[in-house]
C-alpha cells in the first residue's frame, strides 16, 4: 500500500472469482480496521473495487466512504462463500471487540455490524462520487443435493452455504436514497441473485425496497440500465419512476424489475403490479415516459413456484388484461405492450387458459428496436397492433428463464438469453 499509492486496479482476485454456483473467491483480505484505513487513505486512485475480498462490515463501509476515490467507476458488493468470519474474528477482531470463548465453533457471523448483521453498506457510497456501475450480488442457503455428471453418473461436489451471508434488506430505500445523493453519474445499477436456479422457490422480495427507492433512483439523471431481483414496489411506483426520469438524458434506457416470490401472500404481487400499472397509464392524460426511449421488463418470480396462481384466476386475469391493454393502446399509441406466457395457446385474446404469466413488457416506439427486437421476431409470437404475446414454454433440453438470466449474470448480454427459451 505504501509503495503503490497510484494503483488503479487490484484485479488479482478475478483469477479465482466465480459466480456460477455461488459467489466464490480464493482471495480474502483479513485486514483489521487500522490496515483497512491505511489502504483507503493511500489507494485513492482506484477505478474499481469488489467487496468480495474485504470484510463485509459497517466499520469498513464507513472508512471506505470517508476516503473519497474520485476515479472509482465500478463497485460491487458481495460476500464470498469461502469468507471465514470465525478466523476473521479470532485474528482481526479489534474493531469487533472481545471474541467469544467458543469462537472456534462459530461457522458464520454472529456479531452486530458484520456479515448478515451489517446494516450500513450505504456509507461506502459517499466515497465514490463518480461511480458509473454498481452491482450487488446476493445468494441464499438452499438444499444441498448431489449434481450427477451425465456421462458416468458420478456425483460432483457442489459448494453451497447453509446460512445467510448478507441481509438483502440493507439494500432498500435508504440505500437507494444514498446512491442518488452521492453517485450522481451512475448509469448501471443491478441487484442480482447469484445461482438463482437453486432458489427459484425460495426468493422473497426485498421488503425495504419500495416505491420510495424507485423514486430515489429516478433522480439519477444518467441512469441507463436497472436490473433488480424481487423488490416490494407497486404499479403506481413503477409508473412514477418512469415519468420522473430526467429528460436531459436522451439515450436508451432498459429496466428489468422482478416481482413476487415467497411468502404465499406474494403470489399475486406481479399480477397486481401489472394491473395497477396499466390502469394508471390508461387514466393518465399526460404521460412523460411515452416520449422517452425506454424498455421495461417486469418478471414474475412466482410463475414457476408452488405459489403460482390457479387456472381460474389466470383466465380471469387475462380477460381483465385484454381490456386494460386495449385501453392503454387507445390512450397512448406510442407505447408497446408485450406478454410472455408459459402455456400454449393459438390466438391472442381468446381461449385464455394459461396457467402462468412469466413477464410483462412495456416500451416506447422511440426506443432502439434492437433492444426489444427479440420480443417481436419469435416464431409464433402473436401480434395485435402494438400488443404482442409470446409463449415461452421451454423444452426439457433448453435452459429455463432463470438459467438464462443466470447466463446474463455471468457476462452475457441481458437480451441474448431470449433465444434460449423461446
Protein backbone atom coordinates (compact mmCIF):
# COMPACT_ATOMS: atom_id res chain seq x y z
CA UNK A 1 0.00 0.00 0.00
CA UNK A 2 2.76 2.44 0.96
CA UNK A 3 4.75 1.75 -2.20
CA UNK A 4 1.83 1.88 -4.65
CA UNK A 5 -0.26 4.98 -3.93
CA UNK A 6 -1.14 5.38 -7.62
CA UNK A 7 -2.53 1.87 -8.11
CA UNK A 8 -5.78 1.88 -10.12
CA UNK A 9 -6.68 -1.80 -10.43
CA UNK A 10 -6.37 -4.60 -7.88
CA UNK A 11 -7.61 -7.40 -10.09
CA UNK A 12 -5.71 -10.43 -8.88
CA UNK A 13 -8.88 -11.72 -7.21
CA UNK A 14 -10.54 -12.08 -10.62
CA UNK A 15 -8.48 -15.19 -11.33
CA UNK A 16 -10.46 -17.13 -8.72
CA UNK A 17 -13.73 -15.14 -8.75
CA UNK A 18 -16.73 -17.19 -9.87
CA UNK A 19 -20.49 -16.65 -9.86
CA UNK A 20 -21.52 -19.96 -11.44
CA UNK A 21 -22.92 -21.88 -8.46
CA UNK A 22 -22.33 -19.23 -5.83
CA UNK A 23 -20.05 -16.28 -5.26
CA UNK A 24 -16.62 -17.81 -4.67
CA UNK A 25 -13.20 -16.21 -4.47
CA UNK A 26 -9.99 -17.69 -3.13
CA UNK A 27 -8.59 -14.24 -2.37
CA UNK A 28 -9.64 -12.78 1.01
CA UNK A 29 -8.20 -9.82 2.87
CA UNK A 30 -8.34 -10.44 6.61
CA UNK A 31 -7.48 -6.81 7.33
CA UNK A 32 -8.01 -5.19 10.68
CA UNK A 33 -9.64 -1.78 10.66
CA UNK A 34 -6.33 0.04 11.08
CA UNK A 35 -4.82 -1.56 7.95
CA UNK A 36 -8.09 -1.01 6.08
CA UNK A 37 -7.92 2.69 6.91
CA UNK A 38 -4.32 2.87 5.69
CA UNK A 39 -5.36 1.17 2.45
CA UNK A 40 -8.21 3.60 1.85
CA UNK A 41 -6.13 6.66 2.72
CA UNK A 42 -3.36 5.59 0.34
CA UNK A 43 -5.14 3.98 -2.62
CA UNK A 44 -7.46 6.80 -3.63
CA UNK A 45 -6.78 6.29 -7.36
CA UNK A 46 -8.76 3.03 -7.58
CA UNK A 47 -11.02 2.70 -10.62
CA UNK A 48 -12.93 -0.40 -9.49
CA UNK A 49 -13.39 -2.44 -6.34
CA UNK A 50 -15.15 -5.71 -5.47
CA UNK A 51 -16.08 -6.16 -1.81
CA UNK A 52 -15.81 -9.95 -2.09
CA UNK A 53 -12.21 -9.69 -0.87
CA UNK A 54 -12.85 -7.35 2.08
CA UNK A 55 -14.70 -7.71 5.41
CA UNK A 56 -18.40 -7.00 4.89
CA UNK A 57 -18.89 -4.87 7.97
CA UNK A 58 -20.24 -1.47 8.96
CA UNK A 59 -16.91 -0.06 10.24
CA UNK A 60 -15.32 -0.95 6.90
CA UNK A 61 -18.12 0.67 4.89
CA UNK A 62 -17.71 3.89 6.85
CA UNK A 63 -13.96 4.04 6.35
CA UNK A 64 -14.38 3.37 2.62
CA UNK A 65 -16.79 6.29 2.43
CA UNK A 66 -14.58 8.65 4.41
CA UNK A 67 -11.75 8.50 1.87
CA UNK A 68 -13.00 9.78 -1.48
CA UNK A 69 -11.90 7.88 -4.58
CA UNK A 70 -12.69 10.31 -7.43
CA UNK A 71 -11.75 7.85 -10.19
CA UNK A 72 -13.75 4.86 -8.93
CA UNK A 73 -16.16 3.83 -11.70
CA UNK A 74 -17.25 0.33 -10.71
CA UNK A 75 -18.18 -1.03 -7.28
CA UNK A 76 -19.50 -4.49 -6.40
CA UNK A 77 -20.92 -5.69 -3.10
CA UNK A 78 -20.87 -9.37 -2.19
CA UNK A 79 -19.58 -11.90 0.34
CA UNK A 80 -17.79 -14.98 -0.91
CA UNK A 81 -18.81 -18.45 0.20
CA UNK A 82 -15.27 -19.03 1.46
CA UNK A 83 -15.23 -15.96 3.69
CA UNK A 84 -14.45 -17.25 7.19
CA UNK A 85 -15.80 -14.98 9.92
CA UNK A 86 -14.53 -17.37 12.57
CA UNK A 87 -10.93 -16.76 11.57
CA UNK A 88 -11.51 -13.06 11.00
CA UNK A 89 -12.87 -12.52 14.50
CA UNK A 90 -10.07 -14.56 16.01
CA UNK A 91 -7.21 -12.88 14.14
CA UNK A 92 -8.51 -9.40 13.26
CA UNK A 93 -11.23 -8.64 15.76
CA UNK A 94 -10.07 -5.29 17.15
CA UNK A 95 -12.95 -3.37 15.59
CA UNK A 96 -15.43 -6.05 16.55
CA UNK A 97 -14.44 -6.19 20.20
CA UNK A 98 -13.80 -9.14 22.50
CA UNK A 99 -14.35 -12.54 20.91
CA UNK A 100 -16.46 -15.26 22.49
CA UNK A 101 -14.87 -18.22 24.15
CA UNK A 102 -16.41 -20.61 21.63
CA UNK A 103 -15.04 -18.73 18.59
CA UNK A 104 -13.72 -21.96 17.09
CA UNK A 105 -17.28 -23.32 16.88
CA UNK A 106 -18.68 -20.27 15.06
CA UNK A 107 -19.01 -21.11 11.37
CA UNK A 108 -20.73 -17.87 10.47
CA UNK A 109 -21.03 -14.25 11.54
CA UNK A 110 -22.92 -13.70 14.76
CA UNK A 111 -21.69 -10.23 15.63
CA UNK A 112 -23.56 -6.96 15.26
CA UNK A 113 -22.42 -4.90 12.29
CA UNK A 114 -20.77 -7.73 10.36
CA UNK A 115 -21.88 -10.12 7.63
CA UNK A 116 -25.59 -10.84 7.82
CA UNK A 117 -25.87 -8.36 10.70
CA UNK A 118 -24.28 -5.45 8.80
CA UNK A 119 -26.71 -2.57 8.22
CA UNK A 120 -24.77 0.39 6.80
CA UNK A 121 -23.49 -0.59 3.34
CA UNK A 122 -24.77 2.76 2.06
CA UNK A 123 -21.97 4.53 3.98
CA UNK A 124 -19.46 3.29 1.39
CA UNK A 125 -21.22 5.22 -1.39
CA UNK A 126 -20.03 8.55 -0.03
CA UNK A 127 -16.50 7.71 -1.17
CA UNK A 128 -17.24 7.24 -4.88
CA UNK A 129 -18.88 10.37 -6.34
CA UNK A 130 -18.02 9.46 -9.95
CA UNK A 131 -19.37 5.90 -9.75
CA UNK A 132 -20.71 4.61 -13.07
CA UNK A 133 -21.67 1.00 -12.29
CA UNK A 134 -22.88 -0.61 -9.05
CA UNK A 135 -23.55 -4.33 -8.72
CA UNK A 136 -24.91 -6.15 -5.67
CA UNK A 137 -24.55 -9.94 -5.70
CA UNK A 138 -26.76 -11.96 -3.36
CA UNK A 139 -27.28 -15.66 -2.73
CA UNK A 140 -29.08 -17.70 -0.11
CA UNK A 141 -28.95 -21.06 1.66
CA UNK A 142 -30.53 -23.92 -0.24
CA UNK A 143 -30.93 -27.65 -0.01
CA UNK A 144 -27.67 -29.45 -0.66
CA UNK A 145 -28.05 -32.21 -3.21
CA UNK A 146 -25.56 -34.02 -5.46
CA UNK A 147 -25.04 -32.95 -9.06
CA UNK A 148 -24.58 -36.02 -11.25
CA UNK A 149 -22.39 -36.00 -14.31
CA UNK A 150 -24.41 -37.00 -17.37
CA UNK A 151 -21.63 -39.29 -18.55
CA UNK A 152 -20.68 -41.72 -15.81
CA UNK A 153 -23.19 -40.79 -13.11
CA UNK A 154 -20.52 -39.86 -10.60
CA UNK A 155 -21.71 -37.22 -8.11
CA UNK A 156 -19.94 -33.90 -8.47
CA UNK A 157 -19.21 -31.80 -5.43
CA UNK A 158 -21.08 -28.52 -5.04
CA UNK A 159 -20.34 -25.79 -2.55
CA UNK A 160 -23.45 -24.27 -1.03
CA UNK A 161 -23.94 -22.15 2.05
CA UNK A 162 -26.21 -23.17 4.92
CA UNK A 163 -26.69 -19.68 6.38
CA UNK A 164 -27.41 -16.17 5.13
CA UNK A 165 -24.26 -14.24 4.26
CA UNK A 166 -25.92 -10.84 3.63
CA UNK A 167 -29.18 -9.31 4.77
CA UNK A 168 -30.73 -8.14 1.49
CA UNK A 169 -32.89 -5.65 3.37
CA UNK A 170 -29.91 -3.30 3.78
CA UNK A 171 -30.24 -2.53 0.06
CA UNK A 172 -33.66 -0.94 0.44
CA UNK A 173 -34.98 2.62 0.24
CA UNK A 174 -32.30 4.32 2.41
CA UNK A 175 -29.59 2.70 0.29
CA UNK A 176 -31.21 3.97 -2.93
CA UNK A 177 -31.54 7.45 -1.47
CA UNK A 178 -27.86 7.48 -0.52
CA UNK A 179 -26.99 6.26 -4.01
CA UNK A 180 -28.92 9.14 -5.58
CA UNK A 181 -27.35 11.63 -3.18
CA UNK A 182 -23.71 10.61 -3.56
CA UNK A 183 -23.37 9.00 -7.01
CA UNK A 184 -24.93 11.46 -9.45
CA UNK A 185 -23.28 9.96 -12.54
CA UNK A 186 -24.38 6.35 -12.04
CA UNK A 187 -25.56 4.72 -15.27
CA UNK A 188 -25.86 1.00 -14.38
CA UNK A 189 -27.34 -0.47 -11.19
CA UNK A 190 -28.09 -4.13 -10.52
CA UNK A 191 -29.13 -6.30 -7.59
CA UNK A 192 -28.80 -9.88 -8.80
CA UNK A 193 -29.25 -13.35 -7.35
CA UNK A 194 -26.16 -15.48 -7.87
CA UNK A 195 -27.06 -19.10 -8.72
CA UNK A 196 -30.74 -18.18 -8.78
CA UNK A 197 -31.66 -21.53 -10.33
CA UNK A 198 -31.06 -23.16 -6.93
CA UNK A 199 -33.52 -20.80 -5.20
CA UNK A 200 -36.44 -20.46 -7.61
CA UNK A 201 -38.91 -21.45 -4.89
CA UNK A 202 -37.25 -19.56 -2.04
CA UNK A 203 -36.76 -16.00 -3.27
CA UNK A 204 -38.54 -13.38 -1.18
CA UNK A 205 -38.85 -9.69 -2.10
CA UNK A 206 -36.61 -7.08 -0.52
CA UNK A 207 -39.40 -5.62 1.60
CA UNK A 208 -37.39 -2.47 2.37
CA UNK A 209 -37.10 -1.64 -1.35
CA UNK A 210 -40.39 0.12 -2.12
CA UNK A 211 -41.68 2.85 -4.42
CA UNK A 212 -39.66 5.28 -2.36
CA UNK A 213 -36.47 3.56 -3.51
CA UNK A 214 -37.55 3.67 -7.15
CA UNK A 215 -38.34 7.36 -6.92
CA UNK A 216 -34.89 7.98 -5.43
CA UNK A 217 -33.30 6.17 -8.38
CA UNK A 218 -35.28 8.32 -10.81
CA UNK A 219 -33.13 11.25 -9.64
CA UNK A 220 -30.11 9.63 -11.31
CA UNK A 221 -30.01 11.71 -14.48
CA UNK A 222 -27.75 9.34 -16.42
CA UNK A 223 -29.27 6.01 -15.36
CA UNK A 224 -29.32 3.75 -18.43
CA UNK A 225 -29.95 0.28 -17.03
CA UNK A 226 -31.59 -1.13 -13.91
CA UNK A 227 -31.69 -4.84 -13.09
CA UNK A 228 -33.47 -5.67 -9.83
CA UNK A 229 -34.16 -9.03 -8.20
CA UNK A 230 -37.57 -9.20 -6.49
CA UNK A 231 -38.47 -5.95 -4.72
CA UNK A 232 -41.54 -4.55 -2.98
CA UNK A 233 -42.77 -1.94 -5.46
CA UNK A 234 -46.24 -1.17 -6.86
CA UNK A 235 -47.58 -0.45 -10.33
CA UNK A 236 -48.08 3.18 -9.39
CA UNK A 237 -44.49 3.33 -8.17
CA UNK A 238 -43.14 1.87 -11.41
CA UNK A 239 -45.03 4.44 -13.47
CA UNK A 240 -43.93 7.24 -11.16
CA UNK A 241 -40.34 6.11 -11.67
CA UNK A 242 -40.70 6.10 -15.47
CA UNK A 243 -42.35 9.51 -15.56
CA UNK A 244 -39.82 11.10 -13.20
CA UNK A 245 -36.71 10.17 -15.17
CA UNK A 246 -34.71 13.15 -16.36
CA UNK A 247 -35.46 14.36 -19.88
CA UNK A 248 -31.90 15.71 -20.12
CA UNK A 249 -30.67 12.21 -20.95
CA UNK A 250 -31.87 11.32 -24.46
CA UNK A 251 -30.36 7.85 -24.80
CA UNK A 252 -32.00 4.44 -24.42
CA UNK A 253 -32.86 3.05 -21.02
CA UNK A 254 -33.57 -0.58 -20.07
CA UNK A 255 -35.21 -1.63 -16.81
CA UNK A 256 -35.70 -5.20 -15.53
CA UNK A 257 -37.65 -5.50 -12.29
CA UNK A 258 -38.64 -8.82 -10.73
CA UNK A 259 -41.84 -9.06 -8.69
CA UNK A 260 -43.22 -11.72 -6.33
CA UNK A 261 -41.73 -14.77 -4.63
CA UNK A 262 -42.37 -16.09 -1.14
CA UNK A 263 -44.25 -15.95 1.19
CA UNK A 264 -47.57 -17.27 -0.06
CA UNK A 265 -49.07 -13.78 0.03
CA UNK A 266 -46.68 -12.65 -2.71
CA UNK A 267 -48.07 -14.95 -5.39
CA UNK A 268 -50.45 -12.26 -6.70
CA UNK A 269 -47.97 -9.40 -6.38
CA UNK A 270 -46.86 -9.50 -10.01
CA UNK A 271 -50.43 -9.52 -11.30
CA UNK A 272 -51.43 -6.67 -9.00
CA UNK A 273 -48.45 -4.58 -10.12
CA UNK A 274 -49.18 -5.13 -13.81
CA UNK A 275 -52.87 -4.30 -13.44
CA UNK A 276 -52.20 -1.17 -11.40
CA UNK A 277 -49.54 -0.03 -13.87
CA UNK A 278 -51.91 -0.38 -16.82
CA UNK A 279 -54.79 1.33 -15.01
CA UNK A 280 -52.60 4.31 -14.11
CA UNK A 281 -51.29 4.58 -17.67
CA UNK A 282 -54.78 4.39 -19.18
CA UNK A 283 -56.02 7.10 -16.81
CA UNK A 284 -53.11 9.47 -17.44
CA UNK A 285 -53.68 12.34 -19.86
CA UNK A 286 -50.07 13.48 -19.58
CA UNK A 287 -47.50 10.68 -19.77
CA UNK A 288 -43.90 11.96 -19.90
CA UNK A 289 -42.43 8.47 -20.29
CA UNK A 290 -44.22 7.99 -23.61
CA UNK A 291 -41.77 10.45 -25.17
CA UNK A 292 -38.68 8.75 -23.73
CA UNK A 293 -36.58 5.88 -25.05
CA UNK A 294 -37.19 3.10 -22.54
CA UNK A 295 -37.77 -0.64 -22.36
CA UNK A 296 -39.37 -2.03 -19.18
CA UNK A 297 -39.43 -5.73 -18.35
CA UNK A 298 -41.41 -6.91 -15.32
CA UNK A 299 -40.71 -10.54 -14.40
CA UNK A 300 -42.91 -12.81 -12.32
CA UNK A 301 -40.74 -14.58 -9.73
CA UNK A 302 -43.69 -16.75 -8.63
CA UNK A 303 -44.67 -18.19 -12.01
CA UNK A 304 -42.77 -21.47 -11.53
CA UNK A 305 -43.14 -21.80 -7.76
CA UNK A 306 -45.74 -23.63 -5.65
CA UNK A 307 -47.33 -20.21 -5.22
CA UNK A 308 -48.33 -19.92 -8.89
CA UNK A 309 -51.92 -18.81 -9.45
CA UNK A 310 -54.73 -21.21 -10.27
CA UNK A 311 -56.08 -21.74 -13.79
CA UNK A 312 -59.34 -19.99 -12.87
CA UNK A 313 -57.51 -16.92 -11.64
CA UNK A 314 -55.36 -16.95 -14.77
CA UNK A 315 -58.41 -16.96 -17.03
CA UNK A 316 -59.95 -14.08 -15.09
CA UNK A 317 -56.68 -12.15 -15.16
CA UNK A 318 -56.33 -12.44 -18.92
CA UNK A 319 -59.84 -11.15 -19.51
CA UNK A 320 -59.00 -8.08 -17.44
CA UNK A 321 -55.57 -7.81 -19.03
CA UNK A 322 -57.10 -7.71 -22.51
CA UNK A 323 -59.37 -4.85 -21.50
CA UNK A 324 -56.60 -2.85 -19.83
CA UNK A 325 -54.08 -3.33 -22.62
CA UNK A 326 -56.66 -2.22 -25.17
CA UNK A 327 -57.34 0.91 -23.12
CA UNK A 328 -53.63 1.70 -22.91
CA UNK A 329 -53.18 1.23 -26.65
CA UNK A 330 -56.05 3.62 -27.37
CA UNK A 331 -54.88 6.25 -24.88
CA UNK A 332 -51.16 6.14 -25.69
CA UNK A 333 -50.47 4.68 -29.15
CA UNK A 334 -46.73 5.34 -28.84
CA UNK A 335 -46.44 2.61 -26.20
CA UNK A 336 -45.96 -1.06 -26.98
CA UNK A 337 -47.01 -3.91 -24.68
CA UNK A 338 -45.74 -7.46 -24.52
CA UNK A 339 -46.88 -10.52 -22.53
CA UNK A 340 -44.89 -13.73 -22.08
CA UNK A 341 -46.83 -16.86 -21.09
CA UNK A 342 -45.75 -20.35 -20.11
CA UNK A 343 -48.59 -22.38 -21.65
CA UNK A 344 -49.63 -22.94 -25.25
CA UNK A 345 -52.44 -21.09 -26.96
CA UNK A 346 -53.49 -20.42 -30.53
CA UNK A 347 -54.91 -16.90 -30.51
CA UNK A 348 -54.11 -13.60 -28.89
CA UNK A 349 -57.14 -12.90 -26.70
CA UNK A 350 -59.29 -16.00 -26.96
CA UNK A 351 -59.26 -19.30 -25.05
CA UNK A 352 -57.23 -17.66 -22.31
CA UNK A 353 -56.42 -20.71 -20.24
CA UNK A 354 -52.79 -20.04 -19.43
CA UNK A 355 -51.60 -21.18 -16.02
CA UNK A 356 -48.66 -18.81 -15.80
CA UNK A 357 -47.51 -15.40 -16.92
CA UNK A 358 -43.74 -15.04 -16.88
CA UNK A 359 -43.25 -11.42 -17.96
CA UNK A 360 -44.90 -8.18 -18.94
CA UNK A 361 -43.06 -5.71 -21.14
CA UNK A 362 -43.69 -2.05 -21.86
CA UNK A 363 -41.64 0.07 -24.20
CA UNK A 364 -41.91 3.20 -26.30
CA UNK A 365 -41.68 3.41 -30.07
CA UNK A 366 -38.78 5.80 -29.54
CA UNK A 367 -36.56 3.10 -28.03
CA UNK A 368 -33.88 1.47 -30.13
CA UNK A 369 -35.65 -1.51 -31.77
CA UNK A 370 -32.55 -3.68 -31.39
CA UNK A 371 -33.18 -3.78 -27.64
CA UNK A 372 -36.59 -5.44 -27.90
CA UNK A 373 -36.35 -6.99 -31.38
CA UNK A 374 -36.19 -10.47 -29.86
CA UNK A 375 -39.72 -9.99 -28.49
CA UNK A 376 -41.22 -9.36 -31.91
CA UNK A 377 -39.15 -11.74 -34.01
CA UNK A 378 -40.18 -15.01 -32.34
CA UNK A 379 -41.85 -17.58 -34.45
CA UNK A 380 -45.39 -17.96 -33.14
CA UNK A 381 -45.37 -14.55 -31.48
CA UNK A 382 -48.93 -13.20 -31.70
CA UNK A 383 -49.40 -9.53 -32.51
CA UNK A 384 -52.27 -7.08 -32.47
CA UNK A 385 -51.01 -3.62 -33.46
CA UNK A 386 -48.82 -2.67 -30.53
CA UNK A 387 -49.68 -5.66 -28.35
CA UNK A 388 -47.64 -8.84 -28.66
CA UNK A 389 -47.82 -12.17 -26.86
CA UNK A 390 -45.31 -14.98 -26.90
CA UNK A 391 -45.28 -18.45 -25.42
CA UNK A 392 -42.03 -19.38 -23.77
CA UNK A 393 -42.74 -22.94 -22.69
CA UNK A 394 -39.23 -24.40 -22.68
CA UNK A 395 -38.33 -27.87 -23.92
CA UNK A 396 -36.72 -30.24 -21.46
CA UNK A 397 -33.31 -29.76 -23.08
CA UNK A 398 -33.42 -25.96 -23.07
CA UNK A 399 -32.37 -23.63 -20.25
CA UNK A 400 -35.15 -22.21 -18.13
CA UNK A 401 -35.73 -18.45 -17.92
CA UNK A 402 -33.94 -18.47 -14.58
CA UNK A 403 -30.94 -20.25 -16.10
CA UNK A 404 -30.85 -17.78 -18.96
CA UNK A 405 -30.88 -14.88 -16.51
CA UNK A 406 -28.01 -16.65 -14.76
CA UNK A 407 -26.13 -16.60 -18.08
CA UNK A 408 -26.61 -12.85 -18.10
CA UNK A 409 -25.22 -12.56 -14.58
CA UNK A 410 -22.14 -14.41 -15.80
CA UNK A 411 -21.46 -11.93 -18.56
CA UNK A 412 -23.97 -12.50 -21.38
CA UNK A 413 -25.99 -9.66 -22.84
CA UNK A 414 -29.29 -9.31 -20.98
CA UNK A 415 -31.40 -9.83 -24.09
CA UNK A 416 -29.31 -12.57 -25.70
CA UNK A 417 -30.87 -15.07 -23.30
CA UNK A 418 -34.25 -14.88 -25.01
CA UNK A 419 -33.22 -17.20 -27.83
CA UNK A 420 -32.56 -19.98 -25.36
CA UNK A 421 -36.10 -20.34 -24.09
CA UNK A 422 -38.41 -19.43 -26.93
